[in-house]
C-alpha atoms as a PDB file:
ATOM      1  CA  MET A   1      -2.359  -6.676   2.340  1.00  0.00           C
ATOM      2  CA  TRP A   2      -5.564  -8.128   0.946  1.00  0.00           C
ATOM      3  CA  THR A   3      -5.809 -11.254  -0.991  1.00  0.00           C
ATOM      4  CA  ILE A   4      -6.514 -12.589  -4.216  1.00  0.00           C
ATOM      5  CA  GLU A   5      -7.586 -16.036  -5.856  1.00  0.00           C
ATOM      6  CA  LYS A   6      -4.869 -17.968  -6.954  1.00  0.00           C
ATOM      7  CA  PRO A   7      -4.126 -18.375 -10.432  1.00  0.00           C
ATOM      8  CA  ASP A   8      -5.715 -21.655 -12.086  1.00  0.00           C
ATOM      9  CA  ILE A   9      -3.086 -21.236 -15.066  1.00  0.00           C
ATOM     10  CA  SER A  10      -0.699 -23.977 -14.208  1.00  0.00           C
ATOM     11  CA  ALA A  11       3.473 -23.620 -14.602  1.00  0.00           C
ATOM     12  CA  LEU A  12       3.569 -25.639 -17.688  1.00  0.00           C
ATOM     13  CA  GLU A  13       1.148 -23.979 -19.335  1.00  0.00           C
ATOM     14  CA  ALA A  14       2.596 -20.541 -19.000  1.00  0.00           C
ATOM     15  CA  PHE A  15       6.049 -21.805 -19.891  1.00  0.00           C
ATOM     16  CA  ASP A  16       4.549 -23.644 -23.391  1.00  0.00           C
ATOM     17  CA  THR A  17       2.871 -21.083 -24.315  1.00  0.00           C
ATOM     18  CA  CYS A  18       6.203 -18.607 -23.719  1.00  0.00           C
ATOM     19  CA  VAL A  19       8.520 -21.196 -25.532  1.00  0.00           C
ATOM     20  CA  ALA A  20       6.071 -21.534 -28.515  1.00  0.00           C
ATOM     21  CA  GLY A  21       7.517 -18.004 -29.414  1.00  0.00           C
ATOM     22  CA  ILE A  22      11.156 -19.271 -29.123  1.00  0.00           C
ATOM     23  CA  THR A  23      12.433 -19.441 -33.590  1.00  0.00           C
ATOM     24  CA  THR A  24      16.134 -20.521 -32.177  1.00  0.00           C
ATOM     25  CA  PRO A  25      16.564 -24.133 -31.981  1.00  0.00           C
ATOM     26  CA  ASP A  26      19.071 -24.280 -29.365  1.00  0.00           C
ATOM     27  CA  LEU A  27      17.502 -22.815 -27.296  1.00  0.00           C
ATOM     28  CA  ARG A  28      14.076 -23.849 -27.620  1.00  0.00           C
ATOM     29  CA  GLN A  29      15.548 -27.203 -27.112  1.00  0.00           C
ATOM     30  CA  ARG A  30      17.465 -26.299 -24.325  1.00  0.00           C
ATOM     31  CA  LEU A  31      13.592 -25.359 -22.623  1.00  0.00           C
ATOM     32  CA  GLN A  32      12.243 -28.445 -23.391  1.00  0.00           C
ATOM     33  CA  ASN A  33      14.684 -29.865 -22.228  1.00  0.00           C
ATOM     34  CA  ILE A  34      13.474 -28.050 -18.736  1.00  0.00           C
ATOM     35  CA  ARG A  35      10.079 -28.858 -18.593  1.00  0.00           C
ATOM     36  CA  VAL A  36       9.930 -31.251 -15.600  1.00  0.00           C
ATOM     37  CA  ASP A  37      11.857 -28.643 -13.607  1.00  0.00           C
ATOM     38  CA  ILE A  38       9.391 -25.798 -13.990  1.00  0.00           C
ATOM     39  CA  GLU A  39       6.625 -28.400 -13.296  1.00  0.00           C
ATOM     40  CA  ALA A  40       8.447 -29.737  -9.673  1.00  0.00           C
ATOM     41  CA  GLY A  41       9.280 -26.108  -9.018  1.00  0.00           C
ATOM     42  CA  GLU A  42       5.728 -25.353  -9.383  1.00  0.00           C
ATOM     43  CA  THR A  43       5.090 -28.220  -6.861  1.00  0.00           C
ATOM     44  CA  THR A  44       8.101 -26.785  -4.085  1.00  0.00           C
ATOM     45  CA  PHE A  45       6.755 -23.095  -4.587  1.00  0.00           C
ATOM     46  CA  ASN A  46       3.475 -24.055  -3.544  1.00  0.00           C
ATOM     47  CA  ASP A  47       4.570 -26.161  -0.596  1.00  0.00           C
ATOM     48  CA  ALA A  48       6.759 -23.256   0.708  1.00  0.00           C
ATOM     49  CA  ALA A  49       4.501 -20.781  -0.019  1.00  0.00           C
ATOM     50  CA  GLU A  50       1.250 -22.777   2.212  1.00  0.00           C
ATOM     51  CA  ALA A  51       3.534 -22.903   4.464  1.00  0.00           C
ATOM     52  CA  SER A  52       4.935 -19.172   4.594  1.00  0.00           C
ATOM     53  CA  SER A  53       8.650 -20.575   4.338  1.00  0.00           C
ATOM     54  CA  LEU A  54       9.503 -19.344   0.477  1.00  0.00           C
ATOM     55  CA  TYR A  55      12.689 -18.627   2.343  1.00  0.00           C
ATOM     56  CA  ARG A  56      13.703 -21.686   2.213  1.00  0.00           C
ATOM     57  CA  ILE A  57      13.860 -21.828  -1.390  1.00  0.00           C
ATOM     58  CA  ALA A  58      18.089 -21.268  -2.506  1.00  0.00           C
ATOM     59  CA  PRO A  59      18.572 -18.831  -5.251  1.00  0.00           C
ATOM     60  CA  ALA A  60      19.830 -20.355  -8.435  1.00  0.00           C
ATOM     61  CA  MET A  61      21.816 -19.279 -11.301  1.00  0.00           C
ATOM     62  CA  ASN A  62      20.054 -21.765 -14.203  1.00  0.00           C
ATOM     63  CA  VAL A  63      17.236 -24.234 -14.596  1.00  0.00           C
ATOM     64  CA  GLY A  64      19.211 -27.123 -15.908  1.00  0.00           C
ATOM     65  CA  ALA A  65      21.091 -25.930 -19.221  1.00  0.00           C
ATOM     66  CA  VAL A  66      18.965 -22.005 -19.404  1.00  0.00           C
ATOM     67  CA  THR A  67      20.750 -19.373 -17.368  1.00  0.00           C
ATOM     68  CA  ALA A  68      18.798 -16.879 -15.202  1.00  0.00           C
ATOM     69  CA  GLY A  69      19.183 -14.853 -17.966  1.00  0.00           C
ATOM     70  CA  GLU A  70      17.492 -16.624 -20.439  1.00  0.00           C
ATOM     71  CA  MET A  71      14.507 -17.438 -18.107  1.00  0.00           C
ATOM     72  CA  GLU A  72      14.329 -13.101 -17.343  1.00  0.00           C
ATOM     73  CA  LYS A  73      13.984 -12.839 -21.435  1.00  0.00           C
ATOM     74  CA  LEU A  74      11.578 -15.437 -21.536  1.00  0.00           C
ATOM     75  CA  TYR A  75       9.210 -13.576 -19.748  1.00  0.00           C
ATOM     76  CA  ASP A  76       9.907 -10.455 -20.657  1.00  0.00           C
ATOM     77  CA  ARG A  77       9.767 -10.991 -24.437  1.00  0.00           C
ATOM     78  CA  HIS A  78       6.879 -13.581 -24.278  1.00  0.00           C
ATOM     79  CA  MET A  79       4.994 -12.845 -21.462  1.00  0.00           C
ATOM     80  CA  VAL A  80       5.238  -9.359 -20.636  1.00  0.00           C
ATOM     81  CA  ARG A  81       6.011  -7.611 -24.483  1.00  0.00           C
ATOM     82  CA  SER A  82       2.451  -6.794 -26.603  1.00  0.00           C
ATOM     83  CA  GLY A  83       2.386  -9.425 -28.778  1.00  0.00           C
ATOM     84  CA  GLY A  84       3.867 -12.059 -27.546  1.00  0.00           C
ATOM     85  CA  ARG A  85       2.508 -15.670 -27.439  1.00  0.00           C
ATOM     86  CA  GLY A  86       2.017 -15.704 -23.696  1.00  0.00           C
ATOM     87  CA  ARG A  87       0.658 -11.627 -23.128  1.00  0.00           C
ATOM     88  CA  ALA A  88      -2.693 -13.243 -23.454  1.00  0.00           C
ATOM     89  CA  ILE A  89      -1.578 -15.150 -19.533  1.00  0.00           C
ATOM     90  CA  TYR A  90       0.069 -11.798 -18.715  1.00  0.00           C
ATOM     91  CA  ASP A  91      -3.209  -9.814 -18.948  1.00  0.00           C
ATOM     92  CA  ARG A  92      -5.948 -12.626 -17.416  1.00  0.00           C
ATOM     93  CA  LEU A  93      -3.214 -12.051 -14.394  1.00  0.00           C
ATOM     94  CA  MET A  94      -3.413  -9.029 -14.142  1.00  0.00           C
ATOM     95  CA  ILE A  95      -7.504  -8.470 -13.912  1.00  0.00           C
ATOM     96  CA  ALA A  96      -7.226 -10.569 -10.898  1.00  0.00           C
ATOM     97  CA  ALA A  97      -6.919  -8.232  -8.328  1.00  0.00           C
ATOM     98  CA  GLU A  98     -10.878  -7.155  -7.213  1.00  0.00           C
ATOM     99  CA  ASN A  99     -11.729  -3.277  -8.134  1.00  0.00           C
ATOM    100  CA  ASP A 100      -7.918  -3.709  -9.828  1.00  0.00           C
ATOM    101  CA  MET A 101      -6.660  -2.335  -6.330  1.00  0.00           C
ATOM    102  CA  CYS A 102      -2.957  -3.576  -5.939  1.00  0.00           C
ATOM    103  CA  PRO A 103      -3.291  -5.679  -3.204  1.00  0.00           C
ATOM    104  CA  PHE A 104      -0.217  -5.235  -1.607  1.00  0.00           C
ATOM    105  CA  CYS A 105      -1.221  -1.300  -0.414  1.00  0.00           C
ATOM    106  CA  GLY A 106      -5.092  -1.655  -1.519  1.00  0.00           C
ATOM    107  CA  HIS A 107      -4.936   1.547  -2.904  1.00  0.00           C
ATOM    108  CA  ARG A 108      -3.190   1.998  -6.247  1.00  0.00           C
ATOM    109  CA  THR A 109      -4.302   0.684  -9.276  1.00  0.00           C
ATOM    110  CA  VAL A 110      -2.298  -2.715 -10.625  1.00  0.00           C
ATOM    111  CA  SER A 111       0.087  -1.967 -13.501  1.00  0.00           C
ATOM    112  CA  THR A 112       2.192  -4.738 -12.897  1.00  0.00           C
ATOM    113  CA  LEU A 113       3.113  -7.560 -12.421  1.00  0.00           C
ATOM    114  CA  ASP A 114       5.553  -8.750  -9.418  1.00  0.00           C
ATOM    115  CA  HIS A 115       7.294 -12.181  -8.675  1.00  0.00           C
ATOM    116  CA  SER A 116       7.246 -13.140  -5.319  1.00  0.00           C
ATOM    117  CA  LEU A 117      10.629 -14.787  -5.285  1.00  0.00           C
ATOM    118  CA  PRO A 118      12.611 -12.196  -7.957  1.00  0.00           C
ATOM    119  CA  LYS A 119      13.279 -14.493 -11.648  1.00  0.00           C
ATOM    120  CA  ALA A 120      16.742 -13.368 -11.521  1.00  0.00           C
ATOM    121  CA  ALA A 121      17.368 -15.357  -8.069  1.00  0.00           C
ATOM    122  CA  HIS A 122      14.988 -18.139  -8.957  1.00  0.00           C
ATOM    123  CA  PRO A 123      14.680 -18.483 -12.635  1.00  0.00           C
ATOM    124  CA  ALA A 124      12.389 -21.334 -12.223  1.00  0.00           C
ATOM    125  CA  PHE A 125       9.466 -19.309 -11.175  1.00  0.00           C
ATOM    126  CA  ALA A 126       9.949 -16.934 -13.871  1.00  0.00           C
ATOM    127  CA  VAL A 127       6.987 -17.374 -15.665  1.00  0.00           C
ATOM    128  CA  THR A 128       5.293 -19.658 -13.033  1.00  0.00           C
ATOM    129  CA  PRO A 129       1.370 -17.597 -12.633  1.00  0.00           C
ATOM    130  CA  ILE A 130       1.462 -18.800  -8.635  1.00  0.00           C
ATOM    131  CA  ASN A 131       4.616 -16.263  -8.635  1.00  0.00           C
ATOM    132  CA  LEU A 132       3.496 -13.439 -10.204  1.00  0.00           C
ATOM    133  CA  ILE A 133       1.037 -11.031  -7.884  1.00  0.00           C
ATOM    134  CA  PRO A 134      -0.639  -8.117  -9.640  1.00  0.00           C
ATOM    135  CA  CYS A 135       0.008  -4.927  -8.414  1.00  0.00           C
ATOM    136  CA  CYS A 136       0.981  -1.115  -8.809  1.00  0.00           C
ATOM    137  CA  LYS A 137       4.379  -0.224  -9.729  1.00  0.00           C
ATOM    138  CA  ASP A 138       5.115   2.047  -6.683  1.00  0.00           C
ATOM    139  CA  CYS A 139       4.609  -1.618  -4.440  1.00  0.00           C
ATOM    140  CA  ASN A 140       6.413  -3.720  -6.858  1.00  0.00           C
ATOM    141  CA  HIS A 141       9.414  -0.771  -6.920  1.00  0.00           C
ATOM    142  CA  ALA A 142       9.400  -0.621  -3.029  1.00  0.00           C
ATOM    143  CA  LYS A 143       9.146  -4.357  -2.910  1.00  0.00           C
ATOM    144  CA  GLY A 144      12.444  -4.749  -4.764  1.00  0.00           C
ATOM    145  CA  THR A 145      14.727  -8.204  -6.113  1.00  0.00           C
ATOM    146  CA  GLN A 146      15.964  -9.186  -2.717  1.00  0.00           C
ATOM    147  CA  SER A 147      14.777 -13.178  -1.859  1.00  0.00           C
ATOM    148  CA  PRO A 148      13.643 -13.192   1.741  1.00  0.00           C
ATOM    149  CA  ALA A 149      16.332 -14.903   3.913  1.00  0.00           C
ATOM    150  CA  THR A 150      14.072 -15.675   7.206  1.00  0.00           C
ATOM    151  CA  ALA A 151      10.460 -15.824   7.866  1.00  0.00           C
ATOM    152  CA  GLU A 152      10.113 -12.658   8.912  1.00  0.00           C
ATOM    153  CA  ASP A 153      12.030 -11.448   5.824  1.00  0.00           C
ATOM    154  CA  GLN A 154       8.651 -12.562   3.557  1.00  0.00           C
ATOM    155  CA  LEU A 155       6.790  -9.357   2.787  1.00  0.00           C
ATOM    156  CA  LEU A 156       2.613 -11.344   2.502  1.00  0.00           C
ATOM    157  CA  ASN A 157       1.932 -12.900  -0.483  1.00  0.00           C
ATOM    158  CA  ALA A 158      -1.338 -12.142  -1.507  1.00  0.00           C
ATOM    159  CA  TYR A 159      -2.231 -15.598  -3.453  1.00  0.00           C
ATOM    160  CA  TYR A 160      -1.404 -17.351   0.074  1.00  0.00           C
ATOM    161  CA  ASP A 161      -1.656 -15.317   3.429  1.00  0.00           C
ATOM    162  CA  ASP A 162      -4.872 -13.909   4.594  1.00  0.00           C
ATOM    163  CA  VAL A 163      -5.045 -11.060   7.273  1.00  0.00           C
ATOM    164  CA  THR A 164      -7.660  -9.651   5.894  1.00  0.00           C
ATOM    165  CA  ALA A 165     -10.629 -10.807   8.850  1.00  0.00           C
ATOM    166  CA  ASP A 166      -8.495  -9.174  11.409  1.00  0.00           C
ATOM    167  CA  ARG A 167      -8.266  -5.477  12.326  1.00  0.00           C
ATOM    168  CA  TRP A 168      -4.606  -4.869  12.312  1.00  0.00           C
ATOM    169  CA  LEU A 169      -4.387  -1.303  11.077  1.00  0.00           C
ATOM    170  CA  SER A 170      -4.727   1.354  13.334  1.00  0.00           C
ATOM    171  CA  ALA A 171      -4.057   5.699  13.501  1.00  0.00           C
ATOM    172  CA  GLY A 172      -4.722   8.620  16.062  1.00  0.00           C
ATOM    173  CA  ILE A 173      -5.409  12.127  14.793  1.00  0.00           C
ATOM    174  CA  ILE A 174      -2.659  14.690  14.795  1.00  0.00           C
ATOM    175  CA  GLU A 175      -4.040  17.961  16.190  1.00  0.00           C
ATOM    176  CA  GLY A 176      -2.675  21.282  13.607  1.00  0.00           C
ATOM    177  CA  SER A 177      -3.913  23.173  10.940  1.00  0.00           C
ATOM    178  CA  PRO A 178      -4.628  21.348   9.063  1.00  0.00           C
ATOM    179  CA  PRO A 179      -5.062  18.500  11.260  1.00  0.00           C
ATOM    180  CA  ALA A 180      -3.281  15.371   9.817  1.00  0.00           C
ATOM    181  CA  ALA A 181      -3.150  11.389  11.040  1.00  0.00           C
ATOM    182  CA  SER A 182      -0.944   8.718  11.672  1.00  0.00           C
ATOM    183  CA  PHE A 183      -1.399   5.130  10.281  1.00  0.00           C
ATOM    184  CA  PHE A 184       0.374   1.948  12.000  1.00  0.00           C
ATOM    185  CA  VAL A 185       0.142  -1.449  12.590  1.00  0.00           C
ATOM    186  CA  GLU A 186      -1.326  -2.758  15.840  1.00  0.00           C
ATOM    187  CA  ALA A 187      -1.131  -6.641  15.642  1.00  0.00           C
ATOM    188  CA  PRO A 188      -4.164  -8.502  17.675  1.00  0.00           C
ATOM    189  CA  ALA A 189      -2.332 -10.224  20.587  1.00  0.00           C
ATOM    190  CA  TYR A 190      -3.053 -13.422  19.306  1.00  0.00           C
ATOM    191  CA  TRP A 191      -1.485 -13.550  16.469  1.00  0.00           C
ATOM    192  CA  GLY A 192       2.319 -14.932  16.468  1.00  0.00           C
ATOM    193  CA  ASN A 193       5.666 -13.059  16.601  1.00  0.00           C
ATOM    194  CA  GLU A 194       5.907 -14.262  12.911  1.00  0.00           C
ATOM    195  CA  ILE A 195       3.001 -12.649  11.389  1.00  0.00           C
ATOM    196  CA  ALA A 196       3.111  -9.758  12.766  1.00  0.00           C
ATOM    197  CA  THR A 197       7.220  -8.633  11.926  1.00  0.00           C
ATOM    198  CA  ARG A 198       5.875  -9.778   8.501  1.00  0.00           C
ATOM    199  CA  VAL A 199       2.483  -7.918   8.315  1.00  0.00           C
ATOM    200  CA  LYS A 200       4.713  -4.900  10.236  1.00  0.00           C
ATOM    201  CA  LYS A 201       7.472  -5.267   7.515  1.00  0.00           C
ATOM    202  CA  HIS A 202       5.311  -5.437   4.426  1.00  0.00           C
ATOM    203  CA  PHE A 203       3.407  -2.002   5.880  1.00  0.00           C
ATOM    204  CA  THR A 204       7.046  -0.034   6.845  1.00  0.00           C
ATOM    205  CA  ASP A 205       9.261  -1.280   3.436  1.00  0.00           C
ATOM    206  CA  LEU A 206       6.136  -0.553   1.075  1.00  0.00           C
ATOM    207  CA  HIS A 207       5.879   2.972   2.524  1.00  0.00           C
ATOM    208  CA  LEU A 208       2.265   2.925   3.639  1.00  0.00           C
ATOM    209  CA  ALA A 209       1.900   5.240   6.608  1.00  0.00           C
ATOM    210  CA  LYS A 210       2.796   7.995   4.471  1.00  0.00           C
ATOM    211  CA  LEU A 211       0.660   7.098   1.194  1.00  0.00           C
ATOM    212  CA  TYR A 212      -2.478   6.947   3.887  1.00  0.00           C
ATOM    213  CA  ALA A 213      -1.541   9.935   5.772  1.00  0.00           C
ATOM    214  CA  SER A 214      -1.438  11.842   2.568  1.00  0.00           C
ATOM    215  CA  GLN A 215      -4.926  10.510   1.388  1.00  0.00           C
ATOM    216  CA  ALA A 216      -6.121  11.411   5.202  1.00  0.00           C
ATOM    217  CA  GLY A 217      -5.318  14.753   4.541  1.00  0.00           C
ATOM    218  CA  ARG A 218      -6.832  15.287   1.289  1.00  0.00           C
ATOM    219  CA  GLN A 219      -9.764  13.325   2.754  1.00  0.00           C
ATOM    220  CA  PHE A 220     -10.034  15.624   5.836  1.00  0.00           C
ATOM    221  CA  GLN A 221     -10.442  18.922   3.689  1.00  0.00           C
ATOM    222  CA  ASN A 222     -13.255  16.972   1.375  1.00  0.00           C
ATOM    223  CA  ILE A 223     -15.013  16.302   4.694  1.00  0.00           C
ATOM    224  CA  ARG A 224     -14.257  19.889   6.694  1.00  0.00           C
ATOM    225  CA  GLY A 225     -17.515  21.654   5.311  1.00  0.00           C
ATOM    226  CA  ALA A 226     -20.078  18.684   5.552  1.00  0.00           C
ATOM    227  CA  LEU A 227     -18.786  18.186   9.557  1.00  0.00           C
ATOM    228  CA  GLY A 228     -19.101  22.102   9.841  1.00  0.00           C
ATOM    229  CA  GLU A 229     -22.604  22.001   9.424  1.00  0.00           C
ATOM    230  CA  ILE A 230     -23.325  18.982  11.453  1.00  0.00           C
ATOM    231  CA  TYR A 231     -21.564  21.124  14.253  1.00  0.00           C
ATOM    232  CA  ASP A 232     -23.082  24.287  13.932  1.00  0.00           C
ATOM    233  CA  ALA A 233     -26.575  22.255  13.885  1.00  0.00           C
ATOM    234  CA  ALA A 234     -26.092  20.359  16.672  1.00  0.00           C
ATOM    235  CA  GLY A 235     -22.769  20.017  18.152  1.00  0.00           C
ATOM    236  CA  GLU A 236     -19.805  17.997  19.241  1.00  0.00           C
ATOM    237  CA  ASP A 237     -21.183  14.474  19.712  1.00  0.00           C
ATOM    238  CA  ALA A 238     -23.288  15.019  15.948  1.00  0.00           C
ATOM    239  CA  VAL A 239     -19.961  15.001  14.538  1.00  0.00           C
ATOM    240  CA  ARG A 240     -18.251  12.362  16.318  1.00  0.00           C
ATOM    241  CA  GLU A 241     -22.168  10.495  15.813  1.00  0.00           C
ATOM    242  CA  ASP A 242     -21.449  11.557  11.796  1.00  0.00           C
ATOM    243  CA  LEU A 243     -17.872  10.142  12.197  1.00  0.00           C
ATOM    244  CA  GLU A 244     -18.593   6.865  13.750  1.00  0.00           C
ATOM    245  CA  ARG A 245     -21.011   5.611  10.802  1.00  0.00           C
ATOM    246  CA  ARG A 246     -18.519   6.361   8.570  1.00  0.00           C
ATOM    247  CA  PHE A 247     -16.333   4.065   9.569  1.00  0.00           C
ATOM    248  CA  ARG A 248     -19.007   1.463  10.410  1.00  0.00           C
ATOM    249  CA  SER A 249     -19.527   1.597   6.612  1.00  0.00           C
ATOM    250  CA  CYS A 250     -15.990   1.507   5.727  1.00  0.00           C
ATOM    251  CA  SER A 251     -15.028  -1.710   8.169  1.00  0.00           C
ATOM    252  CA  ASP A 252     -18.038  -3.136   6.685  1.00  0.00           C
ATOM    253  CA  PHE A 253     -16.381  -3.118   3.594  1.00  0.00           C
ATOM    254  CA  ILE A 254     -12.252  -3.974   4.523  1.00  0.00           C
ATOM    255  CA  VAL A 255     -11.883  -4.154   8.304  1.00  0.00           C
ATOM    256  CA  ASN A 256      -8.323  -2.847   7.477  1.00  0.00           C
ATOM    257  CA  SER A 257      -9.412   0.366   4.686  1.00  0.00           C
ATOM    258  CA  TRP A 258      -7.225   4.002   5.961  1.00  0.00           C
ATOM    259  CA  GLU A 259     -10.355   5.302   5.262  1.00  0.00           C
ATOM    260  CA  GLY A 260     -12.035   3.475   8.484  1.00  0.00           C
ATOM    261  CA  ALA A 261      -8.880   3.735  10.799  1.00  0.00           C
ATOM    262  CA  MET A 262      -8.710   6.890  10.183  1.00  0.00           C
ATOM    263  CA  TYR A 263     -12.458   8.047  11.266  1.00  0.00           C
ATOM    264  CA  GLU A 264     -12.495   5.672  13.773  1.00  0.00           C
ATOM    265  CA  ALA A 265      -9.469   7.911  15.183  1.00  0.00           C
ATOM    266  CA  ALA A 266     -11.254  10.822  14.435  1.00  0.00           C
ATOM    267  CA  ALA A 267     -14.359   9.954  16.712  1.00  0.00           C
ATOM    268  CA  ALA A 268     -12.667   9.233  18.965  1.00  0.00           C
ATOM    269  CA  SER A 269     -10.247  12.454  19.120  1.00  0.00           C
ATOM    270  CA  ASP A 270     -12.664  15.081  21.326  1.00  0.00           C
ATOM    271  CA  TRP A 271     -10.383  17.840  19.778  1.00  0.00           C
ATOM    272  CA  TYR A 272     -11.210  17.280  16.441  1.00  0.00           C
ATOM    273  CA  CYS A 273     -14.859  16.225  17.419  1.00  0.00           C
ATOM    274  CA  ASN A 274     -15.103  19.516  19.296  1.00  0.00           C
ATOM    275  CA  GLY A 275     -14.012  21.791  15.859  1.00  0.00           C
ATOM    276  CA  GLY A 276     -10.163  20.669  15.312  1.00  0.00           C
ATOM    277  CA  PHE A 277     -11.629  19.711  11.972  1.00  0.00           C
ATOM    278  CA  ARG A 278     -11.759  23.572  10.891  1.00  0.00           C
ATOM    279  CA  GLY A 279      -8.031  23.574  12.203  1.00  0.00           C
ATOM    280  CA  LEU A 280      -6.739  26.897  12.876  1.00  0.00           C
ATOM    281  CA  THR A 281      -7.070  30.639  11.762  1.00  0.00           C
ATOM    282  CA  TRP A 282      -3.412  32.765  12.142  1.00  0.00           C
ATOM    283  CA  ARG A 283      -4.245  36.442  11.624  1.00  0.00           C
ATOM    284  CA  LEU A 284      -1.996  39.310  12.306  1.00  0.00           C
ATOM    285  CA  ALA A 285      -3.209  42.953  12.619  1.00  0.00           C
ATOM    286  CA  LYS A 286      -1.153  46.031  14.132  1.00  0.00           C
ATOM    287  CA  GLY A 287       1.258  44.092  15.210  1.00  0.00           C
ATOM    288  CA  GLU A 288      -0.765  41.719  17.096  1.00  0.00           C
ATOM    289  CA  ILE A 289      -1.154  37.945  15.814  1.00  0.00           C
ATOM    290  CA  SER A 290      -4.207  36.202  16.671  1.00  0.00           C
ATOM    291  CA  ILE A 291      -4.521  32.028  16.900  1.00  0.00           C
ATOM    292  CA  ALA A 292      -8.469  30.829  16.631  1.00  0.00           C
ATOM    293  CA  THR A 293      -9.782  27.212  17.232  1.00  0.00           C
ATOM    294  CA  PRO A 294     -13.161  26.533  17.397  1.00  0.00           C
ATOM    295  CA  ALA A 295     -13.085  26.902  21.356  1.00  0.00           C
ATOM    296  CA  ALA A 296     -11.289  30.321  22.122  1.00  0.00           C
ATOM    297  CA  THR A 297      -9.232  32.706  20.472  1.00  0.00           C
ATOM    298  CA  TYR A 298      -5.399  33.178  21.429  1.00  0.00           C
ATOM    299  CA  ALA A 299      -3.655  36.529  21.422  1.00  0.00           C
ATOM    300  CA  CYS A 300      -0.679  38.307  22.132  1.00  0.00           C
ATOM    301  CA  ARG A 301       2.120  41.253  20.997  1.00  0.00           C
ATOM    302  CA  VAL A 302       4.598  40.158  18.872  1.00  0.00           C
ATOM    303  CA  SER A 303       6.410  41.881  16.154  1.00  0.00           C
ATOM    304  CA  THR A 304       6.105  40.884  12.660  1.00  0.00           C
ATOM    305  CA  THR A 305       9.997  40.132  11.560  1.00  0.00           C
ATOM    306  CA  ALA A 306       9.286  37.563  14.209  1.00  0.00           C
ATOM    307  CA  VAL A 307       5.982  36.282  13.817  1.00  0.00           C
ATOM    308  CA  LEU A 308       7.082  35.563   9.505  1.00  0.00           C
ATOM    309  CA  SER A 309       9.870  33.811  11.047  1.00  0.00           C
ATOM    310  CA  ILE A 310       7.754  31.734  13.423  1.00  0.00           C
ATOM    311  CA  LEU A 311       5.404  30.660  10.640  1.00  0.00           C
ATOM    312  CA  ARG A 312       8.835  29.478   8.106  1.00  0.00           C
ATOM    313  CA  LEU A 313       9.502  27.053  10.783  1.00  0.00           C
ATOM    314  CA  LYS A 314       6.021  26.110  10.744  1.00  0.00           C
ATOM    315  CA  GLY A 315       5.676  25.418   7.075  1.00  0.00           C
ATOM    316  CA  LEU A 316       3.157  28.549   7.155  1.00  0.00           C
ATOM    317  CA  PHE A 317       3.001  31.300   4.973  1.00  0.00           C
ATOM    318  CA  LEU A 318       0.983  34.688   4.571  1.00  0.00           C
ATOM    319  CA  GLU A 319      -0.930  35.224   1.890  1.00  0.00           C
ATOM    320  CA  PRO A 320      -0.361  38.002  -0.221  1.00  0.00           C
ATOM    321  CA  GLY A 321      -2.903  40.821   0.078  1.00  0.00           C
ATOM    322  CA  ALA A 322      -4.297  39.818   3.026  1.00  0.00           C
ATOM    323  CA  ALA A 323      -3.945  39.485   6.682  1.00  0.00           C
ATOM    324  CA  ARG A 324      -3.822  35.626   6.825  1.00  0.00           C
ATOM    325  CA  TYR A 325      -1.828  33.043   7.749  1.00  0.00           C
ATOM    326  CA  GLY A 326      -2.009  29.428   6.153  1.00  0.00           C
ATOM    327  CA  ARG A 327      -0.794  26.646   4.713  1.00  0.00           C
ATOM    328  CA  PRO A 328       0.854  26.307   1.001  1.00  0.00           C
END
């Protein structure tokens, strides 16, 4: 969902570099015979990508007299493999992402190249640089190897699809102990149905809501102490102002960062700003369970067995040697 400058390495440059490592005469000759197909394929790919219509490129079993399997091996053995003739090109493509961050999730580190159109179904683009996008292994795995069948099936392409200027990532606060955040796509009203559907599919297929929620949970814990000091000194409004500053700082750098969405949602939550960031404290004494929040303490009589059963259902536990409950 983040953009990368399109590589300036031509398909023929990458192809010829890899083919130079082939020692089998017959295979080498067959590969040299399809140079024109590789060059023409690059133009076809670029035109389709610029029109957001890569799904219109039909799958193929071969390129001329070269099979899809042979093109896959050309990529695996002569571009990916350490010491391969095309490894230097592979490395150049790998470092194209800003701050070494995966453009698909914007969070994890780049660790592989993804074929925008899978090489098994589109062998003509197996070593074509504009078809190779640096990303993390998790996104690469989640994306899979299926070719898009419709315009809406296409995940975002970091070289061609730019949705970084528009705000589309939003979050909401989940009240609880500890507090949590949920993330979702809220497409601008002026977006067309196709791009809105593609962004939502990208977000869903790559499991970004789960990734961002996990990271937000840790960040809530990181800022709890600092917010507590602000709250104790100046109250709810000061906490909200601090969160709003954090939101603006994140958004100035990346409009759709999960951190920015989290801080904005937290600032908009009266519950969170009024001490919800501290979560709930559970205590058991003499058969009475008390639930303390920053605003009030609630108590009721209940059996120990019932308390333990309720807490287990809520994913809570009793700390050994203490009358206090918390999450593992």
